Amino acid sequence: MNIKMIDKSIEFFGINIAILTISDTRNFDNDKSGSILIKLIEDYGHTCLLRQIVQDEPREILLILNKWIKNKNLDVIITSGGTGLTGRDITVDVLETYFDKKIDGFGELFRFISYKKIGTSTIQSRAIAGTKNGKYIFCLPGSPSACKDAWEEILKFQLDIRHKPCNFVEILPRLNET
């Protein structure tokens, strides 16, 4: 049974996505995960509106995110890096309390997909997702392979209005309902 169904009778429209690499060691020359994500996003028909690299510092991460969540043209933020277990892996710790709502199923599904490829090593990933100020934020591991898996197996479908039976894009306008 193919559960990744695209309804071709609905017209595709691209959304605006930002990429934030969180790492003490990456720059634009060696950020393979950020580059892979941009290519996948743009090849699928979306726009990478913003890209930045920031060190594993809570204050710096939040400065960027607070600016980006105010951008009315931006729909989604994808972070790469800082989801592991080492002392400098702080992305999850910073964002868990930052989200308006946590999307628990994202991390669960990501680890399920990852388990089929890397076995029990997936337990070291703390990939998470949530919403903030009407935007989705997905926090992926820094591994290029993990970023590709998250896009190819989850995000490209959930960020496509044509994906049925439901997707993140169709409820995007209602994220800030009160």
Protein backbone atom coordinates (compact mmCIF):
# COMPACT_ATOMS: atom_id res chain seq x y z
CA MET A 1 0.00 0.00 0.00
CA ASN A 2 1.40 3.37 -1.02
CA ILE A 3 0.71 5.77 1.85
CA LYS A 4 2.57 8.66 0.19
CA MET A 5 -0.20 9.76 -2.15
CA ILE A 6 -0.04 12.92 -4.22
CA ASP A 7 -3.36 14.21 -5.58
CA LYS A 8 -2.42 15.44 -9.06
CA SER A 9 -5.76 17.25 -9.41
CA ILE A 10 -4.55 19.83 -6.88
CA GLU A 11 -2.09 22.45 -8.11
CA PHE A 12 1.30 22.43 -6.38
CA PHE A 13 2.54 25.65 -4.88
CA GLY A 14 5.90 26.22 -3.34
CA ILE A 15 6.44 27.60 0.13
CA ASN A 16 9.31 29.64 1.58
CA ILE A 17 11.81 27.78 3.74
CA ALA A 18 14.84 28.92 5.76
CA ILE A 19 17.84 26.73 6.61
CA LEU A 20 19.76 27.25 9.85
CA THR A 21 22.86 25.16 10.40
CA ILE A 22 23.77 24.98 14.08
CA SER A 23 27.42 24.03 14.47
CA ASP A 24 30.70 25.19 15.94
CA THR A 25 32.62 23.72 13.00
CA ARG A 26 30.59 24.41 9.85
CA ASN A 27 30.90 27.27 7.38
CA PHE A 28 29.37 27.77 3.93
CA ASP A 29 32.25 25.83 2.31
CA ASN A 30 31.82 22.65 4.38
CA ASP A 31 28.13 22.69 5.35
CA LYS A 32 27.10 19.65 3.31
CA SER A 33 23.77 19.24 5.12
CA GLY A 34 22.69 22.81 4.47
CA SER A 35 23.69 22.54 0.81
CA ILE A 36 21.86 19.21 0.39
CA LEU A 37 18.71 20.62 1.98
CA ILE A 38 18.73 23.67 -0.28
CA LYS A 39 19.10 21.50 -3.39
CA LEU A 40 16.31 19.13 -2.30
CA ILE A 41 13.99 22.00 -1.36
CA GLU A 42 14.53 23.94 -4.57
CA ASP A 43 14.44 20.85 -6.82
CA TYR A 44 11.02 20.06 -5.37
CA GLY A 45 9.71 23.55 -6.23
CA HIS A 46 9.99 25.41 -2.93
CA THR A 47 12.14 28.48 -2.27
CA CYS A 48 15.03 28.64 0.16
CA LEU A 49 14.44 32.19 1.34
CA LEU A 50 17.17 32.38 4.00
CA ARG A 51 20.25 30.44 5.02
CA GLN A 52 22.53 31.02 7.96
CA ILE A 53 25.11 29.20 10.05
CA VAL A 54 25.30 29.79 13.79
CA GLN A 55 27.44 28.37 16.57
CA ASP A 56 25.98 26.18 19.29
CA GLU A 57 25.10 29.14 21.53
CA PRO A 58 21.52 29.47 22.84
CA ARG A 59 21.43 33.26 22.67
CA GLU A 60 22.70 33.33 19.07
CA ILE A 61 20.27 30.63 17.95
CA LEU A 62 17.32 32.45 19.51
CA LEU A 63 18.34 35.81 18.01
CA ILE A 64 18.12 34.33 14.53
CA LEU A 65 14.92 32.38 15.17
CA ASN A 66 13.19 35.36 16.78
CA LYS A 67 14.00 37.43 13.70
CA TRP A 68 12.92 34.72 11.27
CA ILE A 69 9.59 33.95 12.95
CA LYS A 70 8.59 37.58 12.43
CA ASN A 71 9.21 37.31 8.67
CA LYS A 72 5.75 37.20 7.07
CA ASN A 73 7.17 35.69 3.87
CA LEU A 74 8.65 32.67 5.65
CA ASP A 75 6.65 29.47 6.22
CA VAL A 76 9.11 26.87 7.51
CA ILE A 77 12.47 26.77 9.29
CA ILE A 78 14.67 23.69 9.07
CA THR A 79 17.64 23.45 11.40
CA SER A 80 20.52 21.04 10.96
CA GLY A 81 22.85 20.03 13.77
CA GLY A 82 22.90 19.98 17.54
CA THR A 83 20.42 17.13 18.02
CA GLY A 84 22.86 14.60 19.44
CA LEU A 85 23.94 13.83 22.99
CA THR A 86 27.24 15.66 23.42
CA GLY A 87 27.61 18.68 25.65
CA ARG A 88 27.57 21.13 22.73
CA ASP A 89 24.44 19.56 21.15
CA ILE A 90 21.95 22.13 22.45
CA THR A 91 19.44 22.61 19.63
CA VAL A 92 16.79 20.40 21.19
CA ASP A 93 17.28 21.84 24.67
CA VAL A 94 16.87 25.39 23.36
CA LEU A 95 13.89 24.70 21.10
CA GLU A 96 11.80 22.37 23.27
CA THR A 97 10.76 25.31 25.42
CA TYR A 98 10.70 27.73 22.46
CA PHE A 99 7.93 25.99 20.52
CA ASP A 100 4.30 27.06 20.83
CA LYS A 101 3.40 23.43 20.12
CA LYS A 102 5.60 20.37 19.77
CA ILE A 103 5.00 17.93 16.89
CA ASP A 104 5.84 14.71 18.74
CA GLY A 105 5.22 12.43 15.76
CA PHE A 106 7.99 14.02 13.71
CA GLY A 107 10.82 12.78 15.93
CA GLU A 108 9.16 9.40 16.33
CA LEU A 109 8.74 8.95 12.57
CA PHE A 110 12.25 10.21 11.84
CA ARG A 111 13.76 7.66 14.24
CA PHE A 112 11.59 4.89 12.76
CA ILE A 113 12.88 5.71 9.26
CA SER A 114 16.43 6.05 10.55
CA TYR A 115 16.24 2.73 12.41
CA LYS A 116 15.70 0.93 9.11
CA LYS A 117 18.99 2.39 7.85
CA ILE A 118 21.31 2.63 10.87
CA GLY A 119 19.71 0.31 13.40
CA THR A 120 19.86 1.08 17.09
CA SER A 121 22.26 3.99 16.52
CA THR A 122 19.13 6.05 15.78
CA ILE A 123 18.52 6.23 19.54
CA GLN A 124 21.22 8.91 19.67
CA SER A 125 19.12 11.30 17.58
CA ARG A 126 16.88 13.80 19.32
CA ALA A 127 15.31 15.16 16.12
CA ILE A 128 12.22 17.21 16.98
CA ALA A 129 9.73 19.61 15.42
CA GLY A 130 7.23 22.19 16.53
CA THR A 131 5.48 25.41 15.68
CA LYS A 132 6.24 28.99 16.61
CA ASN A 133 4.32 32.09 15.61
CA GLY A 134 2.53 30.31 12.77
CA LYS A 135 5.66 28.69 11.36
CA TYR A 136 6.91 25.12 11.37
CA ILE A 137 10.37 24.40 12.75
CA PHE A 138 12.04 21.05 12.04
CA CYS A 139 15.27 20.21 13.87
CA LEU A 140 17.33 17.63 12.00
CA PRO A 141 20.64 15.99 12.81
CA GLY A 142 23.77 17.44 11.19
CA SER A 143 24.41 14.32 9.12
CA PRO A 144 23.86 14.90 5.37
CA SER A 145 22.30 11.43 5.12
CA ALA A 146 19.88 12.17 7.99
CA CYS A 147 18.86 15.48 6.38
CA LYS A 148 18.24 13.74 3.08
CA ASP A 149 16.19 11.01 4.78
CA ALA A 150 14.08 13.55 6.68
CA TRP A 151 13.36 15.46 3.46
CA GLU A 152 12.78 12.48 1.17
CA GLU A 153 10.73 10.41 3.62
CA ILE A 154 8.76 13.03 5.59
CA LEU A 155 9.10 16.70 4.74
CA LYS A 156 8.70 16.68 0.97
CA PHE A 157 5.30 15.03 1.45
CA GLN A 158 4.09 16.99 4.46
CA LEU A 159 5.16 20.28 2.83
CA ASP A 160 3.22 19.50 -0.37
CA ILE A 161 -0.41 20.70 -0.45
CA ARG A 162 -1.23 17.78 -2.77
CA HIS A 163 -0.26 15.08 -0.24
CA LYS A 164 -3.28 13.17 1.02
CA PRO A 165 -4.94 12.38 3.30
CA CYS A 166 -3.46 15.45 5.03
CA ASN A 167 -0.37 17.66 5.15
CA PHE A 168 1.21 20.53 7.07
CA VAL A 169 0.62 23.09 4.30
CA GLU A 170 -3.18 22.90 4.41
CA ILE A 171 -3.25 23.82 8.11
CA LEU A 172 -0.47 26.42 7.91
CA PRO A 173 -2.92 29.37 7.80
CA ARG A 174 -4.59 28.11 10.99
CA LEU A 175 -1.50 27.61 13.20
CA ASN A 176 -2.11 30.88 15.06
CA GLU A 177 -5.84 30.35 15.70
CA THR A 178 -7.06 31.27 19.14
